[in-house]
Amino acid sequence: MHDDIGANLTKISILSEVAKQKFGNGEAEANNPLSSIARIARESVASMGDIVWAISPRRDSLLDLVRHMREHAEEVFALGDVSLSFGTPRIEQNMRLDIDLRRDVFLIFKEAVNNAARHGQCANVKILFSAASSGLSLLVEDDGVGFASVAEDEGQGLPSMRRRAQMMGGKLYVESGYGHGTTIRLELPIPRRRRRS
């Protein structure tokens, strides 16, 4: 399924770019529907890859989650002039995570990183991720423009992140203010699973 749909979405993205070059009428990039089609197709390919990663039983280690998170952050900030710091000060090498937990942790992380990239207008992003028998901790901090607390209700991103954290028995903390950047912190207890033999 992933190969077929992913290949088709990639074709859509490429054909949209070709059509924009051949038949574009000089319309601004942001207003060009062909640009939107190509962007949506690329985002859909990435989402398909995330789904396949999340449900793969071979990707249930904590280290796989860390690698996937790091790859996503590096890809998101690669094109911008943003300094990325990604630290993993405390990681249990043999810890395994179930499908739902690693998917929800990654989706919270992805939303936090994407928000920093799209809306933060930041120069620096710091990510700290630690996990041990006591639980999991994730910090995504940027030095961007920030937002007032009333702005939290304007979109679905933050409420969705909070719901995911609550469903996992954890808590999501958001600190922000205009001109003071944004800090998102997830604290989560981890159910014990088998260790690598």
N, C-alpha and C. Protein backbone atom coordinates (compact mmCIF):
# COMPACT_ATOMS: atom_id res chain seq x y z
N MET A 1 0.83 -1.20 0.00
CA MET A 1 0.00 0.00 0.00
C MET A 1 0.87 1.26 0.00
N HIS A 2 1.88 1.27 0.88
CA HIS A 2 2.74 2.45 0.98
C HIS A 2 3.48 2.70 -0.32
N ASP A 3 3.99 1.61 -0.94
CA ASP A 3 4.74 1.77 -2.18
C ASP A 3 3.86 2.37 -3.27
N ASP A 4 2.62 1.83 -3.43
CA ASP A 4 1.73 2.30 -4.49
C ASP A 4 1.28 3.73 -4.25
N ILE A 5 0.74 4.00 -3.06
CA ILE A 5 0.22 5.33 -2.77
C ILE A 5 1.36 6.34 -2.71
N GLY A 6 2.44 5.96 -2.07
CA GLY A 6 3.59 6.86 -1.98
C GLY A 6 4.13 7.22 -3.35
N ALA A 7 4.23 6.24 -4.24
CA ALA A 7 4.72 6.50 -5.59
C ALA A 7 3.78 7.42 -6.35
N ASN A 8 2.47 7.20 -6.20
CA ASN A 8 1.50 8.05 -6.88
C ASN A 8 1.53 9.49 -6.37
N LEU A 9 1.66 9.65 -5.06
CA LEU A 9 1.74 11.00 -4.50
C LEU A 9 3.01 11.71 -4.95
N THR A 10 4.10 10.96 -5.04
CA THR A 10 5.35 11.54 -5.54
C THR A 10 5.19 12.00 -6.98
N LYS A 11 4.50 11.19 -7.80
CA LYS A 11 4.23 11.57 -9.19
C LYS A 11 3.41 12.85 -9.26
N ILE A 12 2.39 12.95 -8.40
CA ILE A 12 1.55 14.15 -8.37
C ILE A 12 2.40 15.38 -8.04
N SER A 13 3.27 15.22 -7.06
CA SER A 13 4.13 16.34 -6.66
C SER A 13 5.03 16.77 -7.82
N ILE A 14 5.66 15.80 -8.49
CA ILE A 14 6.57 16.11 -9.59
C ILE A 14 5.83 16.73 -10.77
N LEU A 15 4.67 16.14 -11.13
CA LEU A 15 3.89 16.66 -12.25
C LEU A 15 3.38 18.06 -11.97
N SER A 16 3.03 18.33 -10.72
CA SER A 16 2.57 19.67 -10.35
C SER A 16 3.68 20.69 -10.54
N GLU A 17 4.90 20.32 -10.13
CA GLU A 17 6.04 21.22 -10.30
C GLU A 17 6.32 21.46 -11.78
N VAL A 18 6.25 20.38 -12.59
CA VAL A 18 6.48 20.51 -14.04
C VAL A 18 5.42 21.41 -14.66
N ALA A 19 4.15 21.18 -14.28
CA ALA A 19 3.06 22.00 -14.83
C ALA A 19 3.20 23.46 -14.43
N LYS A 20 3.65 23.71 -13.22
CA LYS A 20 3.83 25.08 -12.76
C LYS A 20 4.90 25.79 -13.59
N GLN A 21 5.97 25.05 -13.92
CA GLN A 21 7.05 25.64 -14.71
C GLN A 21 6.62 25.90 -16.16
N LYS A 22 5.80 24.98 -16.71
CA LYS A 22 5.41 25.09 -18.12
C LYS A 22 4.25 26.04 -18.33
N PHE A 23 3.28 26.00 -17.39
CA PHE A 23 2.05 26.74 -17.62
C PHE A 23 1.78 27.82 -16.57
N GLY A 24 2.76 28.02 -15.68
CA GLY A 24 2.58 29.04 -14.65
C GLY A 24 2.39 30.41 -15.27
N ASN A 25 1.51 31.20 -14.64
CA ASN A 25 1.20 32.53 -15.20
C ASN A 25 1.86 33.65 -14.39
N GLY A 26 2.93 33.32 -13.69
CA GLY A 26 3.61 34.34 -12.91
C GLY A 26 2.96 34.64 -11.58
N GLU A 27 1.97 33.85 -11.23
CA GLU A 27 1.27 34.06 -9.96
C GLU A 27 2.23 33.79 -8.79
N ALA A 28 2.05 34.53 -7.73
CA ALA A 28 2.90 34.36 -6.55
C ALA A 28 2.86 32.93 -6.07
N GLU A 29 4.01 32.47 -5.57
CA GLU A 29 4.16 31.07 -5.14
C GLU A 29 3.07 30.67 -4.16
N ALA A 30 2.78 31.54 -3.19
CA ALA A 30 1.81 31.20 -2.14
C ALA A 30 0.40 31.07 -2.70
N ASN A 31 0.09 31.77 -3.81
CA ASN A 31 -1.26 31.77 -4.35
C ASN A 31 -1.44 30.79 -5.51
N ASN A 32 -0.37 30.14 -5.90
CA ASN A 32 -0.44 29.24 -7.05
C ASN A 32 -1.00 27.88 -6.64
N PRO A 33 -2.16 27.48 -7.21
CA PRO A 33 -2.75 26.19 -6.82
C PRO A 33 -1.85 25.00 -7.13
N LEU A 34 -1.02 25.10 -8.16
CA LEU A 34 -0.10 23.99 -8.47
C LEU A 34 0.94 23.84 -7.36
N SER A 35 1.37 24.97 -6.79
CA SER A 35 2.30 24.89 -5.66
C SER A 35 1.65 24.22 -4.46
N SER A 36 0.37 24.53 -4.24
CA SER A 36 -0.37 23.91 -3.13
C SER A 36 -0.52 22.41 -3.34
N ILE A 37 -0.82 22.01 -4.57
CA ILE A 37 -0.96 20.58 -4.87
C ILE A 37 0.36 19.86 -4.60
N ALA A 38 1.47 20.42 -5.07
CA ALA A 38 2.78 19.80 -4.87
C ALA A 38 3.11 19.70 -3.39
N ARG A 39 2.83 20.78 -2.63
CA ARG A 39 3.12 20.77 -1.19
C ARG A 39 2.29 19.73 -0.46
N ILE A 40 1.00 19.66 -0.78
CA ILE A 40 0.12 18.68 -0.11
C ILE A 40 0.56 17.26 -0.44
N ALA A 41 0.95 17.03 -1.68
CA ALA A 41 1.42 15.69 -2.07
C ALA A 41 2.68 15.32 -1.31
N ARG A 42 3.63 16.28 -1.17
CA ARG A 42 4.86 16.00 -0.42
C ARG A 42 4.55 15.71 1.05
N GLU A 43 3.65 16.50 1.63
CA GLU A 43 3.29 16.28 3.03
C GLU A 43 2.60 14.93 3.21
N SER A 44 1.80 14.52 2.23
CA SER A 44 1.11 13.23 2.31
C SER A 44 2.09 12.07 2.21
N VAL A 45 3.11 12.21 1.37
CA VAL A 45 4.15 11.18 1.28
C VAL A 45 4.85 11.04 2.63
N ALA A 46 5.17 12.18 3.25
CA ALA A 46 5.84 12.15 4.56
C ALA A 46 4.94 11.51 5.61
N SER A 47 3.64 11.83 5.57
CA SER A 47 2.70 11.25 6.54
C SER A 47 2.57 9.75 6.36
N MET A 48 2.57 9.29 5.11
CA MET A 48 2.52 7.85 4.85
C MET A 48 3.75 7.16 5.43
N GLY A 49 4.91 7.79 5.25
CA GLY A 49 6.14 7.23 5.81
C GLY A 49 6.07 7.14 7.33
N ASP A 50 5.49 8.17 7.97
CA ASP A 50 5.36 8.16 9.43
C ASP A 50 4.43 7.04 9.89
N ILE A 51 3.34 6.81 9.15
CA ILE A 51 2.40 5.74 9.51
C ILE A 51 3.07 4.38 9.41
N VAL A 52 3.78 4.15 8.31
CA VAL A 52 4.47 2.87 8.12
C VAL A 52 5.51 2.66 9.22
N TRP A 53 6.25 3.73 9.56
CA TRP A 53 7.23 3.63 10.65
C TRP A 53 6.55 3.29 11.97
N ALA A 54 5.43 3.95 12.26
CA ALA A 54 4.78 3.79 13.56
C ALA A 54 4.24 2.38 13.76
N ILE A 55 3.74 1.74 12.70
CA ILE A 55 3.13 0.43 12.88
C ILE A 55 4.10 -0.73 12.67
N SER A 56 5.33 -0.41 12.31
CA SER A 56 6.30 -1.48 12.09
C SER A 56 6.78 -2.08 13.42
N PRO A 57 6.59 -3.38 13.63
CA PRO A 57 7.04 -4.00 14.88
C PRO A 57 8.56 -3.99 15.02
N ARG A 58 9.28 -3.78 13.92
CA ARG A 58 10.74 -3.72 13.99
C ARG A 58 11.24 -2.36 14.44
N ARG A 59 10.34 -1.39 14.60
CA ARG A 59 10.72 -0.02 14.97
C ARG A 59 10.23 0.33 16.37
N ASP A 60 10.17 -0.67 17.26
CA ASP A 60 9.57 -0.41 18.57
C ASP A 60 10.58 -0.04 19.65
N SER A 61 11.84 0.17 19.30
CA SER A 61 12.82 0.55 20.31
C SER A 61 12.81 2.07 20.51
N LEU A 62 13.21 2.48 21.69
CA LEU A 62 13.33 3.90 22.00
C LEU A 62 14.32 4.57 21.06
N LEU A 63 15.41 3.87 20.73
CA LEU A 63 16.41 4.44 19.85
C LEU A 63 15.85 4.71 18.45
N ASP A 64 14.94 3.85 17.98
CA ASP A 64 14.29 4.09 16.69
C ASP A 64 13.46 5.36 16.74
N LEU A 65 12.76 5.57 17.85
CA LEU A 65 11.98 6.79 18.01
C LEU A 65 12.89 8.02 17.99
N VAL A 66 13.99 7.95 18.72
CA VAL A 66 14.93 9.08 18.77
C VAL A 66 15.48 9.38 17.37
N ARG A 67 15.86 8.35 16.64
CA ARG A 67 16.39 8.56 15.28
C ARG A 67 15.35 9.22 14.38
N HIS A 68 14.10 8.74 14.48
CA HIS A 68 13.04 9.28 13.64
C HIS A 68 12.76 10.74 13.98
N MET A 69 12.77 11.06 15.26
CA MET A 69 12.57 12.43 15.70
C MET A 69 13.70 13.33 15.20
N ARG A 70 14.93 12.88 15.36
CA ARG A 70 16.08 13.68 14.92
C ARG A 70 16.03 13.92 13.41
N GLU A 71 15.72 12.87 12.63
CA GLU A 71 15.64 13.01 11.18
C GLU A 71 14.59 14.04 10.79
N HIS A 72 13.43 13.98 11.45
CA HIS A 72 12.36 14.93 11.12
C HIS A 72 12.79 16.36 11.43
N ALA A 73 13.36 16.58 12.62
CA ALA A 73 13.78 17.93 13.00
C ALA A 73 14.84 18.46 12.06
N GLU A 74 15.82 17.65 11.72
CA GLU A 74 16.89 18.09 10.81
C GLU A 74 16.33 18.43 9.43
N GLU A 75 15.37 17.63 8.97
CA GLU A 75 14.76 17.89 7.66
C GLU A 75 13.96 19.19 7.67
N VAL A 76 13.19 19.42 8.74
CA VAL A 76 12.34 20.61 8.83
C VAL A 76 13.17 21.89 8.85
N PHE A 77 14.28 21.87 9.59
CA PHE A 77 15.07 23.09 9.75
C PHE A 77 16.24 23.19 8.78
N ALA A 78 16.38 22.22 7.89
CA ALA A 78 17.53 22.21 6.98
C ALA A 78 17.53 23.40 6.03
N LEU A 79 16.36 23.81 5.55
CA LEU A 79 16.30 24.86 4.55
C LEU A 79 16.29 26.26 5.15
N GLY A 80 15.97 26.38 6.43
CA GLY A 80 15.94 27.69 7.06
C GLY A 80 17.24 28.01 7.76
N ASP A 81 17.38 29.25 8.16
CA ASP A 81 18.58 29.69 8.86
C ASP A 81 18.35 29.54 10.36
N VAL A 82 18.15 28.28 10.79
CA VAL A 82 17.83 27.98 12.19
C VAL A 82 18.89 27.04 12.75
N SER A 83 19.41 27.38 13.91
CA SER A 83 20.37 26.52 14.59
C SER A 83 19.61 25.51 15.45
N LEU A 84 19.83 24.22 15.19
CA LEU A 84 19.12 23.16 15.90
C LEU A 84 20.06 22.44 16.86
N SER A 85 19.61 22.31 18.10
CA SER A 85 20.32 21.52 19.09
C SER A 85 19.39 20.38 19.54
N PHE A 86 19.85 19.14 19.36
CA PHE A 86 19.04 17.96 19.70
C PHE A 86 19.82 17.12 20.69
N GLY A 87 19.35 17.08 21.94
CA GLY A 87 20.07 16.35 22.97
C GLY A 87 19.25 15.21 23.54
N THR A 88 19.95 14.13 23.83
CA THR A 88 19.31 12.96 24.48
C THR A 88 20.15 12.59 25.70
N PRO A 89 20.01 13.36 26.78
CA PRO A 89 20.91 13.16 27.93
C PRO A 89 20.72 11.86 28.67
N ARG A 90 19.54 11.25 28.57
CA ARG A 90 19.30 10.04 29.36
C ARG A 90 18.40 9.11 28.57
N ILE A 91 18.97 8.07 28.01
CA ILE A 91 18.21 7.12 27.19
C ILE A 91 18.54 5.70 27.62
N GLU A 92 17.50 4.93 27.91
CA GLU A 92 17.70 3.50 28.20
C GLU A 92 17.83 2.76 26.87
N GLN A 93 18.98 2.19 26.63
CA GLN A 93 19.28 1.59 25.33
C GLN A 93 18.30 0.49 24.94
N ASN A 94 17.80 -0.28 25.90
CA ASN A 94 16.99 -1.46 25.57
C ASN A 94 15.50 -1.25 25.72
N MET A 95 15.07 -0.02 25.97
CA MET A 95 13.64 0.21 26.20
C MET A 95 12.85 0.02 24.91
N ARG A 96 11.68 -0.63 25.02
CA ARG A 96 10.78 -0.85 23.89
C ARG A 96 9.49 -0.09 24.15
N LEU A 97 8.88 0.44 23.10
CA LEU A 97 7.65 1.21 23.21
C LEU A 97 6.56 0.60 22.34
N ASP A 98 5.33 0.61 22.85
CA ASP A 98 4.26 0.04 22.02
C ASP A 98 3.87 1.02 20.91
N ILE A 99 3.09 0.52 19.95
CA ILE A 99 2.77 1.28 18.74
C ILE A 99 2.08 2.59 19.06
N ASP A 100 1.04 2.55 19.91
CA ASP A 100 0.27 3.76 20.19
C ASP A 100 1.13 4.82 20.86
N LEU A 101 1.95 4.40 21.81
CA LEU A 101 2.76 5.37 22.55
C LEU A 101 3.78 6.05 21.64
N ARG A 102 4.51 5.27 20.86
CA ARG A 102 5.53 5.90 20.03
C ARG A 102 4.91 6.76 18.93
N ARG A 103 3.74 6.36 18.42
CA ARG A 103 3.06 7.18 17.41
C ARG A 103 2.62 8.51 18.02
N ASP A 104 2.00 8.47 19.20
CA ASP A 104 1.49 9.70 19.81
C ASP A 104 2.61 10.62 20.27
N VAL A 105 3.69 10.05 20.80
CA VAL A 105 4.84 10.87 21.18
C VAL A 105 5.41 11.56 19.95
N PHE A 106 5.55 10.81 18.87
CA PHE A 106 6.10 11.40 17.66
C PHE A 106 5.20 12.49 17.10
N LEU A 107 3.87 12.28 17.13
CA LEU A 107 2.95 13.28 16.59
C LEU A 107 2.97 14.57 17.42
N ILE A 108 3.10 14.44 18.73
CA ILE A 108 3.25 15.63 19.58
C ILE A 108 4.55 16.36 19.23
N PHE A 109 5.62 15.59 19.13
CA PHE A 109 6.92 16.16 18.76
C PHE A 109 6.86 16.85 17.39
N LYS A 110 6.25 16.17 16.43
CA LYS A 110 6.17 16.70 15.07
C LYS A 110 5.41 18.01 15.03
N GLU A 111 4.29 18.08 15.75
CA GLU A 111 3.49 19.30 15.79
C GLU A 111 4.29 20.44 16.42
N ALA A 112 5.01 20.15 17.51
CA ALA A 112 5.80 21.18 18.18
C ALA A 112 6.91 21.71 17.26
N VAL A 113 7.60 20.81 16.57
CA VAL A 113 8.68 21.19 15.67
C VAL A 113 8.14 21.97 14.47
N ASN A 114 7.05 21.48 13.88
CA ASN A 114 6.47 22.15 12.72
C ASN A 114 5.97 23.55 13.08
N ASN A 115 5.38 23.69 14.27
CA ASN A 115 4.91 25.01 14.70
C ASN A 115 6.08 25.99 14.84
N ALA A 116 7.18 25.51 15.41
CA ALA A 116 8.36 26.36 15.56
C ALA A 116 8.88 26.81 14.19
N ALA A 117 8.88 25.88 13.23
CA ALA A 117 9.39 26.18 11.89
C ALA A 117 8.46 27.11 11.12
N ARG A 118 7.15 26.89 11.23
CA ARG A 118 6.20 27.66 10.42
C ARG A 118 5.86 29.02 11.02
N HIS A 119 5.73 29.05 12.34
CA HIS A 119 5.19 30.26 12.97
C HIS A 119 6.17 30.96 13.92
N GLY A 120 7.21 30.26 14.34
CA GLY A 120 8.07 30.78 15.38
C GLY A 120 8.96 31.94 14.98
N GLN A 121 9.35 31.99 13.68
CA GLN A 121 10.32 32.99 13.21
C GLN A 121 11.55 33.01 14.13
N CYS A 122 12.04 31.81 14.44
CA CYS A 122 13.11 31.68 15.42
C CYS A 122 14.47 31.51 14.75
N ALA A 123 15.52 31.78 15.54
CA ALA A 123 16.90 31.57 15.07
C ALA A 123 17.49 30.32 15.69
N ASN A 124 16.96 29.91 16.85
CA ASN A 124 17.50 28.75 17.56
C ASN A 124 16.36 27.88 18.09
N VAL A 125 16.55 26.57 17.97
CA VAL A 125 15.61 25.59 18.52
C VAL A 125 16.40 24.58 19.32
N LYS A 126 15.94 24.35 20.55
CA LYS A 126 16.59 23.34 21.40
C LYS A 126 15.58 22.23 21.68
N ILE A 127 16.02 20.98 21.45
CA ILE A 127 15.19 19.80 21.73
C ILE A 127 15.94 18.91 22.71
N LEU A 128 15.29 18.57 23.78
CA LEU A 128 15.84 17.63 24.75
C LEU A 128 14.85 16.49 24.93
N PHE A 129 15.35 15.27 24.84
CA PHE A 129 14.49 14.10 24.95
C PHE A 129 15.18 13.10 25.87
N SER A 130 14.50 12.72 26.94
CA SER A 130 15.08 11.72 27.84
C SER A 130 14.02 10.72 28.22
N ALA A 131 14.46 9.51 28.47
CA ALA A 131 13.54 8.44 28.86
C ALA A 131 14.27 7.43 29.72
N ALA A 132 13.64 7.07 30.80
CA ALA A 132 14.19 6.07 31.72
C ALA A 132 13.01 5.38 32.39
N SER A 133 13.29 4.54 33.36
CA SER A 133 12.21 3.81 34.02
C SER A 133 11.21 4.74 34.69
N SER A 134 11.64 5.94 35.06
CA SER A 134 10.75 6.89 35.71
C SER A 134 9.79 7.56 34.74
N GLY A 135 10.08 7.52 33.46
CA GLY A 135 9.19 8.12 32.48
C GLY A 135 9.94 8.79 31.35
N LEU A 136 9.18 9.50 30.55
CA LEU A 136 9.71 10.15 29.36
C LEU A 136 9.53 11.65 29.49
N SER A 137 10.50 12.41 29.00
CA SER A 137 10.43 13.86 29.03
C SER A 137 10.88 14.42 27.69
N LEU A 138 10.08 15.32 27.14
CA LEU A 138 10.40 15.94 25.86
C LEU A 138 10.28 17.45 26.01
N LEU A 139 11.29 18.18 25.54
CA LEU A 139 11.29 19.63 25.56
C LEU A 139 11.60 20.14 24.16
N VAL A 140 10.74 21.03 23.65
CA VAL A 140 11.00 21.72 22.38
C VAL A 140 10.91 23.21 22.68
N GLU A 141 12.02 23.91 22.53
CA GLU A 141 12.11 25.31 22.94
C GLU A 141 12.67 26.14 21.79
N ASP A 142 12.02 27.27 21.48
CA ASP A 142 12.54 28.16 20.44
C ASP A 142 12.62 29.59 20.97
N ASP A 143 13.41 30.41 20.29
CA ASP A 143 13.59 31.80 20.69
C ASP A 143 12.86 32.75 19.74
N GLY A 144 11.72 32.29 19.22
CA GLY A 144 10.98 33.06 18.22
C GLY A 144 10.07 34.11 18.80
N VAL A 145 9.05 34.46 18.01
CA VAL A 145 8.17 35.57 18.36
C VAL A 145 7.19 35.22 19.48
N GLY A 146 6.93 33.92 19.69
CA GLY A 146 6.00 33.53 20.73
C GLY A 146 4.57 33.90 20.39
N PHE A 147 3.67 33.70 21.36
CA PHE A 147 2.27 34.05 21.16
C PHE A 147 1.63 34.28 22.52
N ALA A 148 0.52 35.03 22.51
CA ALA A 148 -0.23 35.25 23.75
C ALA A 148 -1.04 34.02 24.06
N SER A 149 -1.36 33.79 25.31
CA SER A 149 -2.07 32.58 25.71
C SER A 149 -3.43 32.45 25.03
N VAL A 150 -4.09 33.57 24.71
CA VAL A 150 -5.40 33.50 24.07
C VAL A 150 -5.30 32.90 22.67
N ALA A 151 -4.10 32.96 22.07
CA ALA A 151 -3.94 32.43 20.72
C ALA A 151 -3.96 30.91 20.69
N GLU A 152 -3.87 30.26 21.85
CA GLU A 152 -3.84 28.80 21.88
C GLU A 152 -5.11 28.19 21.30
N ASP A 153 -6.23 28.92 21.40
CA ASP A 153 -7.50 28.36 20.94
C ASP A 153 -7.77 28.61 19.46
N GLU A 154 -6.85 29.30 18.77
CA GLU A 154 -7.10 29.65 17.39
C GLU A 154 -6.92 28.47 16.44
N GLY A 155 -6.15 27.50 16.80
CA GLY A 155 -5.93 26.34 15.93
C GLY A 155 -6.19 25.05 16.68
N GLN A 156 -6.00 23.94 15.98
CA GLN A 156 -6.23 22.62 16.58
C GLN A 156 -4.96 21.96 17.06
N GLY A 157 -3.80 22.55 16.75
CA GLY A 157 -2.53 21.92 17.09
C GLY A 157 -2.34 21.69 18.57
N LEU A 158 -2.38 22.75 19.37
CA LEU A 158 -2.15 22.62 20.80
C LEU A 158 -3.21 21.79 21.51
N PRO A 159 -4.51 22.01 21.23
CA PRO A 159 -5.52 21.14 21.86
C PRO A 159 -5.33 19.67 21.52
N SER A 160 -4.94 19.38 20.28
CA SER A 160 -4.70 17.99 19.87
C SER A 160 -3.51 17.40 20.62
N MET A 161 -2.45 18.18 20.79
CA MET A 161 -1.28 17.72 21.54
C MET A 161 -1.65 17.43 22.99
N ARG A 162 -2.46 18.31 23.58
CA ARG A 162 -2.88 18.10 24.97
C ARG A 162 -3.72 16.83 25.11
N ARG A 163 -4.62 16.62 24.14
CA ARG A 163 -5.46 15.41 24.18
C ARG A 163 -4.61 14.15 24.11
N ARG A 164 -3.64 14.15 23.22
CA ARG A 164 -2.76 12.98 23.09
C ARG A 164 -2.00 12.73 24.38
N ALA A 165 -1.47 13.80 24.96
CA ALA A 165 -0.71 13.66 26.21
C ALA A 165 -1.62 13.11 27.32
N GLN A 166 -2.84 13.62 27.40
CA GLN A 166 -3.77 13.17 28.43
C GLN A 166 -4.15 11.70 28.23
N MET A 167 -4.37 11.30 26.99
CA MET A 167 -4.72 9.91 26.70
C MET A 167 -3.61 8.95 27.10
N MET A 168 -2.35 9.42 27.07
CA MET A 168 -1.22 8.59 27.46
C MET A 168 -0.92 8.68 28.95
N GLY A 169 -1.75 9.45 29.67
CA GLY A 169 -1.52 9.61 31.11
C GLY A 169 -0.45 10.63 31.43
N GLY A 170 -0.12 11.48 30.48
CA GLY A 170 0.93 12.47 30.69
C GLY A 170 0.37 13.87 30.74
N LYS A 171 1.27 14.84 30.77
CA LYS A 171 0.89 16.25 30.80
C LYS A 171 1.72 17.04 29.80
N LEU A 172 1.06 18.01 29.18
CA LEU A 172 1.74 18.88 28.23
C LEU A 172 1.73 20.30 28.80
N TYR A 173 2.90 20.92 28.85
CA TYR A 173 3.03 22.27 29.37
C TYR A 173 3.47 23.20 28.24
N VAL A 174 2.82 24.35 28.13
CA VAL A 174 3.16 25.32 27.08
C VAL A 174 3.43 26.67 27.74
N GLU A 175 4.61 27.21 27.46
CA GLU A 175 4.97 28.54 27.95
C GLU A 175 5.34 29.40 26.75
N SER A 176 4.68 30.56 26.63
CA SER A 176 4.97 31.43 25.51
C SER A 176 4.50 32.84 25.83
N GLY A 177 4.99 33.79 25.08
CA GLY A 177 4.60 35.18 25.19
C GLY A 177 5.22 35.94 24.05
N TYR A 178 4.54 36.98 23.59
CA TYR A 178 5.06 37.73 22.46
C TYR A 178 6.49 38.21 22.73
N GLY A 179 7.39 37.84 21.81
CA GLY A 179 8.78 38.25 21.92
C GLY A 179 9.62 37.40 22.86
N HIS A 180 9.03 36.35 23.41
CA HIS A 180 9.75 35.54 24.40
C HIS A 180 9.90 34.07 23.99
N GLY A 181 9.58 33.75 22.74
CA GLY A 181 9.72 32.37 22.29
C GLY A 181 8.66 31.46 22.87
N THR A 182 8.81 30.18 22.60
CA THR A 182 7.84 29.18 23.03
C THR A 182 8.57 27.95 23.56
N THR A 183 8.07 27.43 24.67
CA THR A 183 8.58 26.18 25.23
C THR A 183 7.43 25.21 25.38
N ILE A 184 7.60 24.03 24.80
CA ILE A 184 6.61 22.95 24.93
C ILE A 184 7.30 21.78 25.61
N ARG A 185 6.67 21.30 26.68
CA ARG A 185 7.27 20.21 27.45
C ARG A 185 6.24 19.12 27.68
N LEU A 186 6.63 17.90 27.40
CA LEU A 186 5.79 16.72 27.61
C LEU A 186 6.41 15.87 28.71
N GLU A 187 5.61 15.54 29.71
CA GLU A 187 6.03 14.63 30.78
C GLU A 187 5.10 13.42 30.74
N LEU A 188 5.70 12.23 30.65
CA LEU A 188 4.89 11.05 30.39
C LEU A 188 5.41 9.82 31.12
N PRO A 189 4.55 9.14 31.90
CA PRO A 189 4.97 7.85 32.45
C PRO A 189 4.99 6.80 31.34
N ILE A 190 5.91 5.85 31.43
CA ILE A 190 6.03 4.84 30.38
C ILE A 190 5.69 3.47 30.93
N PRO A 191 4.68 2.79 30.36
CA PRO A 191 4.42 1.41 30.77
C PRO A 191 5.61 0.53 30.41
N ARG A 192 5.96 -0.36 31.30
CA ARG A 192 7.13 -1.23 31.05
C ARG A 192 6.81 -2.26 29.99
N ARG A 193 7.78 -2.50 29.12
CA ARG A 193 7.68 -3.52 28.09
C ARG A 193 8.89 -4.41 28.16
N ARG A 194 8.91 -5.38 27.29
CA ARG A 194 10.04 -6.32 27.27
C ARG A 194 11.32 -5.59 26.91
N ARG A 195 12.42 -6.12 27.35
CA ARG A 195 13.73 -5.58 26.99
C ARG A 195 14.33 -6.44 25.89
N ARG A 196 15.25 -5.85 25.16
CA ARG A 196 15.94 -6.58 24.11
C ARG A 196 16.78 -7.69 24.74
N SER A 197 16.63 -8.88 24.25
CA SER A 197 17.36 -10.02 24.86
C SER A 197 18.76 -10.13 24.28
